[in-house]
Amino acid sequence: MKNNRNALSEKRQDATELIRLLETIPEDRKGEVLGIVRGFALCAETEKADRDCIVCSGAKE
């Protein structure tokens, strides 16, 4: 449970930092930056799903 709290706390800190950075970006560039951030988030989710799948398939063998 403690690890979950630490992970959640770290994610909140990361989100706060990201929001602060986004506030400094000119309005005409925010769409581009958010698209890049969204792309990184999708890649991270895909990589995690791939790792989970490999771990599960390895456990079944």
PDB file of N, CA and C in Angstrom:
ATOM      1  N   MET A   1       0.826  -1.190   0.000  1.00  0.00           N
ATOM      2  CA  MET A   1       0.000   0.000   0.000  1.00  0.00           C
ATOM      3  C   MET A   1       0.874   1.259   0.000  1.00  0.00           C
ATOM      4  N   LYS A   2       1.988   1.180   0.742  1.00  0.00           N
ATOM      5  CA  LYS A   2       2.882   2.335   0.822  1.00  0.00           C
ATOM      6  C   LYS A   2       3.481   2.648  -0.549  1.00  0.00           C
ATOM      7  N   ASN A   3       3.829   1.609  -1.323  1.00  0.00           N
ATOM      8  CA  ASN A   3       4.382   1.825  -2.658  1.00  0.00           C
ATOM      9  C   ASN A   3       3.375   2.525  -3.555  1.00  0.00           C
ATOM     10  N   ASN A   4       2.092   2.153  -3.424  1.00  0.00           N
ATOM     11  CA  ASN A   4       1.059   2.803  -4.226  1.00  0.00           C
ATOM     12  C   ASN A   4       0.952   4.278  -3.878  1.00  0.00           C
ATOM     13  N   ARG A   5       1.047   4.593  -2.599  1.00  0.00           N
ATOM     14  CA  ARG A   5       0.988   5.999  -2.175  1.00  0.00           C
ATOM     15  C   ARG A   5       2.176   6.773  -2.724  1.00  0.00           C
ATOM     16  N   ASN A   6       3.358   6.169  -2.676  1.00  0.00           N
ATOM     17  CA  ASN A   6       4.551   6.835  -3.208  1.00  0.00           C
ATOM     18  C   ASN A   6       4.417   7.065  -4.707  1.00  0.00           C
ATOM     19  N   ALA A   7       3.934   6.060  -5.422  1.00  0.00           N
ATOM     20  CA  ALA A   7       3.770   6.183  -6.867  1.00  0.00           C
ATOM     21  C   ALA A   7       2.746   7.265  -7.195  1.00  0.00           C
ATOM     22  N   LEU A   8       1.650   7.294  -6.452  1.00  0.00           N
ATOM     23  CA  LEU A   8       0.626   8.308  -6.676  1.00  0.00           C
ATOM     24  C   LEU A   8       1.166   9.701  -6.372  1.00  0.00           C
ATOM     25  N   SER A   9       1.935   9.813  -5.311  1.00  0.00           N
ATOM     26  CA  SER A   9       2.537  11.097  -4.952  1.00  0.00           C
ATOM     27  C   SER A   9       3.491  11.574  -6.045  1.00  0.00           C
ATOM     28  N   GLU A  10       4.286  10.659  -6.586  1.00  0.00           N
ATOM     29  CA  GLU A  10       5.216  11.011  -7.663  1.00  0.00           C
ATOM     30  C   GLU A  10       4.460  11.451  -8.910  1.00  0.00           C
ATOM     31  N   LYS A  11       3.361  10.769  -9.220  1.00  0.00           N
ATOM     32  CA  LYS A  11       2.568  11.141 -10.395  1.00  0.00           C
ATOM     33  C   LYS A  11       1.950  12.517 -10.215  1.00  0.00           C
ATOM     34  N   ARG A  12       1.502  12.814  -9.013  1.00  0.00           N
ATOM     35  CA  ARG A  12       0.941  14.146  -8.749  1.00  0.00           C
ATOM     36  C   ARG A  12       2.014  15.217  -8.919  1.00  0.00           C
ATOM     37  N   GLN A  13       3.212  14.944  -8.420  1.00  0.00           N
ATOM     38  CA  GLN A  13       4.310  15.905  -8.566  1.00  0.00           C
ATOM     39  C   GLN A  13       4.655  16.102 -10.034  1.00  0.00           C
ATOM     40  N   ASP A  14       4.689  15.006 -10.795  1.00  0.00           N
ATOM     41  CA  ASP A  14       4.973  15.100 -12.227  1.00  0.00           C
ATOM     42  C   ASP A  14       3.898  15.917 -12.940  1.00  0.00           C
ATOM     43  N   ALA A  15       2.639  15.678 -12.589  1.00  0.00           N
ATOM     44  CA  ALA A  15       1.540  16.414 -13.212  1.00  0.00           C
ATOM     45  C   ALA A  15       1.625  17.900 -12.886  1.00  0.00           C
ATOM     46  N   THR A  16       1.934  18.215 -11.652  1.00  0.00           N
ATOM     47  CA  THR A  16       2.068  19.614 -11.242  1.00  0.00           C
ATOM     48  C   THR A  16       3.195  20.286 -12.016  1.00  0.00           C
ATOM     49  N   GLU A  17       4.308  19.589 -12.156  1.00  0.00           N
ATOM     50  CA  GLU A  17       5.443  20.135 -12.904  1.00  0.00           C
ATOM     51  C   GLU A  17       5.075  20.337 -14.373  1.00  0.00           C
ATOM     52  N   LEU A  18       4.368  19.376 -14.953  1.00  0.00           N
ATOM     53  CA  LEU A  18       3.957  19.484 -16.355  1.00  0.00           C
ATOM     54  C   LEU A  18       3.019  20.674 -16.554  1.00  0.00           C
ATOM     55  N   ILE A  19       2.087  20.864 -15.646  1.00  0.00           N
ATOM     56  CA  ILE A  19       1.162  21.997 -15.745  1.00  0.00           C
ATOM     57  C   ILE A  19       1.924  23.312 -15.678  1.00  0.00           C
ATOM     58  N   ARG A  20       2.875  23.399 -14.774  1.00  0.00           N
ATOM     59  CA  ARG A  20       3.686  24.626 -14.670  1.00  0.00           C
ATOM     60  C   ARG A  20       4.438  24.903 -15.977  1.00  0.00           C
ATOM     61  N   LEU A  21       4.982  23.850 -16.570  1.00  0.00           N
ATOM     62  CA  LEU A  21       5.695  24.021 -17.837  1.00  0.00           C
ATOM     63  C   LEU A  21       4.744  24.445 -18.953  1.00  0.00           C
ATOM     64  N   LEU A  22       3.565  23.841 -18.997  1.00  0.00           N
ATOM     65  CA  LEU A  22       2.599  24.178 -20.042  1.00  0.00           C
ATOM     66  C   LEU A  22       2.132  25.626 -19.934  1.00  0.00           C
ATOM     67  N   GLU A  23       2.086  26.143 -18.728  1.00  0.00           N
ATOM     68  CA  GLU A  23       1.670  27.536 -18.537  1.00  0.00           C
ATOM     69  C   GLU A  23       2.671  28.519 -19.139  1.00  0.00           C
ATOM     70  N   THR A  24       3.908  28.094 -19.333  1.00  0.00           N
ATOM     71  CA  THR A  24       4.928  28.991 -19.879  1.00  0.00           C
ATOM     72  C   THR A  24       4.976  28.970 -21.404  1.00  0.00           C
ATOM     73  N   ILE A  25       4.262  28.044 -22.023  1.00  0.00           N
ATOM     74  CA  ILE A  25       4.302  27.885 -23.479  1.00  0.00           C
ATOM     75  C   ILE A  25       3.309  28.859 -24.124  1.00  0.00           C
ATOM     76  N   PRO A  26       3.709  29.523 -25.203  1.00  0.00           N
ATOM     77  CA  PRO A  26       2.791  30.429 -25.905  1.00  0.00           C
ATOM     78  C   PRO A  26       1.555  29.671 -26.406  1.00  0.00           C
ATOM     79  N   GLU A  27       0.421  30.355 -26.426  1.00  0.00           N
ATOM     80  CA  GLU A  27      -0.851  29.734 -26.807  1.00  0.00           C
ATOM     81  C   GLU A  27      -0.784  29.056 -28.175  1.00  0.00           C
ATOM     82  N   ASP A  28      -0.106  29.668 -29.137  1.00  0.00           N
ATOM     83  CA  ASP A  28      -0.074  29.114 -30.486  1.00  0.00           C
ATOM     84  C   ASP A  28       0.753  27.833 -30.589  1.00  0.00           C
ATOM     85  N   ARG A  29       1.496  27.474 -29.551  1.00  0.00           N
ATOM     86  CA  ARG A  29       2.316  26.250 -29.561  1.00  0.00           C
ATOM     87  C   ARG A  29       1.767  25.162 -28.640  1.00  0.00           C
ATOM     88  N   LYS A  30       0.778  25.498 -27.814  1.00  0.00           N
ATOM     89  CA  LYS A  30       0.280  24.538 -26.829  1.00  0.00           C
ATOM     90  C   LYS A  30      -0.307  23.287 -27.475  1.00  0.00           C
ATOM     91  N   GLY A  31      -1.026  23.440 -28.570  1.00  0.00           N
ATOM     92  CA  GLY A  31      -1.604  22.280 -29.242  1.00  0.00           C
ATOM     93  C   GLY A  31      -0.535  21.295 -29.688  1.00  0.00           C
ATOM     94  N   GLU A  32       0.522  21.819 -30.252  1.00  0.00           N
ATOM     95  CA  GLU A  32       1.635  20.982 -30.702  1.00  0.00           C
ATOM     96  C   GLU A  32       2.284  20.254 -29.524  1.00  0.00           C
ATOM     97  N   VAL A  33       2.519  20.980 -28.454  1.00  0.00           N
ATOM     98  CA  VAL A  33       3.164  20.392 -27.276  1.00  0.00           C
ATOM     99  C   VAL A  33       2.267  19.330 -26.649  1.00  0.00           C
ATOM    100  N   LEU A  34       0.976  19.618 -26.534  1.00  0.00           N
ATOM    101  CA  LEU A  34       0.056  18.630 -25.958  1.00  0.00           C
ATOM    102  C   LEU A  34      -0.018  17.372 -26.818  1.00  0.00           C
ATOM    103  N   GLY A  35       0.078  17.536 -28.131  1.00  0.00           N
ATOM    104  CA  GLY A  35       0.109  16.372 -29.014  1.00  0.00           C
ATOM    105  C   GLY A  35       1.339  15.509 -28.764  1.00  0.00           C
ATOM    106  N   ILE A  36       2.468  16.142 -28.553  1.00  0.00           N
ATOM    107  CA  ILE A  36       3.703  15.412 -28.255  1.00  0.00           C
ATOM    108  C   ILE A  36       3.580  14.687 -26.923  1.00  0.00           C
ATOM    109  N   VAL A  37       3.060  15.380 -25.912  1.00  0.00           N
ATOM    110  CA  VAL A  37       2.883  14.761 -24.590  1.00  0.00           C
ATOM    111  C   VAL A  37       1.931  13.578 -24.690  1.00  0.00           C
ATOM    112  N   ARG A  38       0.842  13.751 -25.420  1.00  0.00           N
ATOM    113  CA  ARG A  38      -0.123  12.667 -25.598  1.00  0.00           C
ATOM    114  C   ARG A  38       0.539  11.474 -26.288  1.00  0.00           C
ATOM    115  N   GLY A  39       1.383  11.738 -27.273  1.00  0.00           N
ATOM    116  CA  GLY A  39       2.097  10.665 -27.958  1.00  0.00           C
ATOM    117  C   GLY A  39       3.016   9.896 -27.027  1.00  0.00           C
ATOM    118  N   PHE A  40       3.740  10.612 -26.182  1.00  0.00           N
ATOM    119  CA  PHE A  40       4.603   9.946 -25.205  1.00  0.00           C
ATOM    120  C   PHE A  40       3.782   9.107 -24.236  1.00  0.00           C
ATOM    121  N   ALA A  41       2.637   9.628 -23.815  1.00  0.00           N
ATOM    122  CA  ALA A  41       1.777   8.886 -22.886  1.00  0.00           C
ATOM    123  C   ALA A  41       1.273   7.598 -23.533  1.00  0.00           C
ATOM    124  N   LEU A  42       0.878   7.675 -24.792  1.00  0.00           N
ATOM    125  CA  LEU A  42       0.410   6.475 -25.492  1.00  0.00           C
ATOM    126  C   LEU A  42       1.530   5.454 -25.643  1.00  0.00           C
ATOM    127  N   CYS A  43       2.735   5.918 -25.943  1.00  0.00           N
ATOM    128  CA  CYS A  43       3.880   5.009 -26.056  1.00  0.00           C
ATOM    129  C   CYS A  43       4.166   4.330 -24.722  1.00  0.00           C
ATOM    130  N   ALA A  44       4.092   5.087 -23.648  1.00  0.00           N
ATOM    131  CA  ALA A  44       4.349   4.520 -22.322  1.00  0.00           C
ATOM    132  C   ALA A  44       3.305   3.465 -21.981  1.00  0.00           C
ATOM    133  N   GLU A  45       2.034   3.725 -22.301  1.00  0.00           N
ATOM    134  CA  GLU A  45       0.981   2.743 -22.038  1.00  0.00           C
ATOM    135  C   GLU A  45       1.201   1.484 -22.864  1.00  0.00           C
ATOM    136  N   THR A  46       1.574   1.659 -24.122  1.00  0.00           N
ATOM    137  CA  THR A  46       1.805   0.516 -25.005  1.00  0.00           C
ATOM    138  C   THR A  46       2.980  -0.317 -24.509  1.00  0.00           C
ATOM    139  N   GLU A  47       4.062   0.337 -24.117  1.00  0.00           N
ATOM    140  CA  GLU A  47       5.225  -0.391 -23.607  1.00  0.00           C
ATOM    141  C   GLU A  47       4.882  -1.153 -22.340  1.00  0.00           C
ATOM    142  N   LYS A  48       4.098  -0.548 -21.461  1.00  0.00           N
ATOM    143  CA  LYS A  48       3.703  -1.216 -20.225  1.00  0.00           C
ATOM    144  C   LYS A  48       2.834  -2.426 -20.549  1.00  0.00           C
ATOM    145  N   ALA A  49       1.898  -2.270 -21.470  1.00  0.00           N
ATOM    146  CA  ALA A  49       1.034  -3.384 -21.854  1.00  0.00           C
ATOM    147  C   ALA A  49       1.862  -4.510 -22.469  1.00  0.00           C
ATOM    148  N   ASP A  50       2.852  -4.155 -23.287  1.00  0.00           N
ATOM    149  CA  ASP A  50       3.718  -5.167 -23.891  1.00  0.00           C
ATOM    150  C   ASP A  50       4.519  -5.908 -22.822  1.00  0.00           C
ATOM    151  N   ARG A  51       5.048  -5.185 -21.845  1.00  0.00           N
ATOM    152  CA  ARG A  51       5.801  -5.828 -20.759  1.00  0.00           C
ATOM    153  C   ARG A  51       4.892  -6.744 -19.953  1.00  0.00           C
ATOM    154  N   ASP A  52       3.693  -6.274 -19.647  1.00  0.00           N
ATOM    155  CA  ASP A  52       2.752  -7.093 -18.885  1.00  0.00           C
ATOM    156  C   ASP A  52       2.407  -8.358 -19.657  1.00  0.00           C
ATOM    157  N   CYS A  53       2.243  -8.224 -20.947  1.00  0.00           N
ATOM    158  CA  CYS A  53       1.906  -9.372 -21.788  1.00  0.00           C
ATOM    159  C   CYS A  53       3.062 -10.370 -21.808  1.00  0.00           C
ATOM    160  N   ILE A  54       4.275  -9.891 -21.929  1.00  0.00           N
ATOM    161  CA  ILE A  54       5.450 -10.765 -21.942  1.00  0.00           C
ATOM    162  C   ILE A  54       5.580 -11.482 -20.605  1.00  0.00           C
ATOM    163  N   VAL A  55       5.378 -10.762 -19.527  1.00  0.00           N
ATOM    164  CA  VAL A  55       5.474 -11.364 -18.197  1.00  0.00           C
ATOM    165  C   VAL A  55       4.412 -12.439 -18.038  1.00  0.00           C
ATOM    166  N   CYS A  56       3.190 -12.142 -18.466  1.00  0.00           N
ATOM    167  CA  CYS A  56       2.105 -13.123 -18.343  1.00  0.00           C
ATOM    168  C   CYS A  56       2.365 -14.345 -19.215  1.00  0.00           C
ATOM    169  N   SER A  57       2.804 -14.127 -20.448  1.00  0.00           N
ATOM    170  CA  SER A  57       3.041 -15.265 -21.332  1.00  0.00           C
ATOM    171  C   SER A  57       4.213 -16.099 -20.832  1.00  0.00           C
ATOM    172  N   GLY A  58       5.194 -15.446 -20.227  1.00  0.00           N
ATOM    173  CA  GLY A  58       6.323 -16.176 -19.657  1.00  0.00           C
ATOM    174  C   GLY A  58       5.905 -17.008 -18.467  1.00  0.00           C
ATOM    175  N   ALA A  59       4.960 -16.513 -17.697  1.00  0.00           N
ATOM    176  CA  ALA A  59       4.488 -17.233 -16.518  1.00  0.00           C
ATOM    177  C   ALA A  59       3.669 -18.451 -16.912  1.00  0.00           C
ATOM    178  N   LYS A  60       3.011 -18.400 -18.080  1.00  0.00           N
ATOM    179  CA  LYS A  60       2.165 -19.512 -18.516  1.00  0.00           C
ATOM    180  C   LYS A  60       2.987 -20.678 -19.036  1.00  0.00           C
ATOM    181  N   GLU A  61       4.163 -20.395 -19.534  1.00  0.00           N
ATOM    182  CA  GLU A  61       4.975 -21.456 -20.152  1.00  0.00           C
ATOM    183  C   GLU A  61       5.548 -22.406 -19.150  1.00  0.00           C
TER     184      GLU A  61
END
